Protein backbone atom coordinates (compact mmCIF):
# COMPACT_ATOMS: atom_id res chain seq x y z
CA MET A 1 21.06 -47.57 61.19
CA ASN A 2 22.65 -49.36 64.11
CA MET A 3 24.52 -47.66 66.97
CA ALA A 4 27.96 -48.35 65.48
CA GLY A 5 26.91 -46.65 62.25
CA LYS A 6 25.57 -43.62 64.13
CA PHE A 7 28.76 -43.29 66.18
CA SER A 8 30.91 -43.63 63.07
CA CYS A 9 28.91 -40.83 61.43
CA ILE A 10 29.48 -38.64 64.50
CA ALA A 11 33.19 -39.48 64.55
CA MET A 12 33.59 -38.71 60.84
CA GLY A 13 31.72 -35.44 61.33
CA ILE A 14 34.08 -34.42 64.13
CA VAL A 15 37.11 -35.36 62.01
CA SER A 16 35.71 -33.33 59.10
CA VAL A 17 35.11 -30.26 61.29
CA VAL A 18 38.64 -30.44 62.73
CA ALA A 19 40.16 -30.91 59.27
CA GLY A 20 38.09 -27.98 58.01
CA PHE A 21 39.37 -25.71 60.76
CA PHE A 22 42.96 -26.73 60.01
CA GLY A 23 42.33 -26.08 56.33
CA LEU A 24 40.89 -22.65 57.02
CA ALA A 25 43.82 -21.79 59.26
CA ARG A 26 46.31 -22.97 56.66
CA TRP A 27 44.66 -21.40 53.60
CA TRP A 28 42.93 -18.40 55.19
CA PRO A 29 44.19 -15.86 52.60
CA LEU A 30 42.91 -18.04 49.74
CA PHE A 31 39.58 -18.48 51.52
CA VAL A 32 39.23 -14.71 51.88
CA GLU A 33 40.06 -14.26 48.19
CA PHE A 34 37.41 -16.84 47.32
CA LEU A 35 34.83 -14.95 49.38
CA LYS A 36 35.82 -11.69 47.68
CA ALA A 37 35.47 -13.33 44.26
CA ALA A 38 32.18 -15.06 45.09
CA PHE A 39 30.43 -12.01 46.57
CA PRO A 40 29.49 -10.18 43.31
CA PRO A 41 27.98 -13.25 41.60
CA ILE A 42 26.00 -14.01 44.76
CA LEU A 43 24.66 -10.44 44.72
CA VAL A 44 23.73 -10.74 41.04
CA LEU A 45 21.92 -14.05 41.55
CA GLY A 46 20.16 -12.82 44.70
CA GLY A 47 19.08 -9.65 42.95
CA ALA A 48 17.79 -11.59 39.95
CA ILE A 49 15.75 -13.85 42.23
CA ALA A 50 14.34 -10.79 44.01
CA VAL A 51 13.39 -9.15 40.70
CA VAL A 52 11.67 -12.29 39.44
CA ALA A 53 9.79 -12.68 42.72
CA GLY A 54 8.71 -9.03 42.63
CA VAL A 55 7.59 -9.16 39.00
CA THR A 56 5.65 -12.35 39.69
CA ALA A 57 3.94 -10.79 42.72
CA VAL A 58 2.99 -7.66 40.76
CA ARG A 59 1.73 -9.72 37.82
CA ASP A 60 -0.35 -11.93 40.11
CA GLU A 61 -1.80 -8.87 41.85
CA ALA A 62 -2.65 -7.27 38.49
CA THR A 63 -4.40 -10.36 37.13
CA LEU A 64 -6.34 -11.09 40.33
CA PRO A 65 -7.48 -7.78 41.82
CA GLY A 66 -8.78 -7.99 45.39
CA LYS A 67 -9.34 -11.39 46.88
CA ALA A 68 -8.79 -14.32 44.64
CA ALA A 69 -11.90 -16.27 43.80
CA PRO A 70 -11.85 -19.91 44.90
CA ARG A 71 -10.73 -22.28 42.23
CA LYS A 72 -13.44 -24.46 40.77
CA ASP A 73 -11.62 -27.70 41.53
CA THR A 74 -11.24 -26.85 45.26
CA ALA A 75 -14.65 -25.28 45.94
CA LEU A 76 -17.19 -27.34 47.88
CA PRO A 77 -20.33 -28.45 46.06
CA LYS A 78 -23.46 -26.47 47.02
CA ASP A 79 -25.15 -29.51 48.58
CA ALA A 80 -22.14 -30.19 50.86
CA VAL A 81 -22.73 -27.00 52.88
């Protein structure tokens, strides 16, 4: 990308930030309502991800007690040592 393209990206970014601040100032009550409405679904999704991650970790620990043995496809051949 040439210098003019980089500067135009910076200028458009500045314009977007300024427009965003004006939009937040103008529609602040609606933005707060959106955050209030979005908070419970975010909690549900985050909790579901945490449960899945925990169940996966427990299942992996149960199937591979102690240290995991090296996989056959990644182990070095005996003559390479």
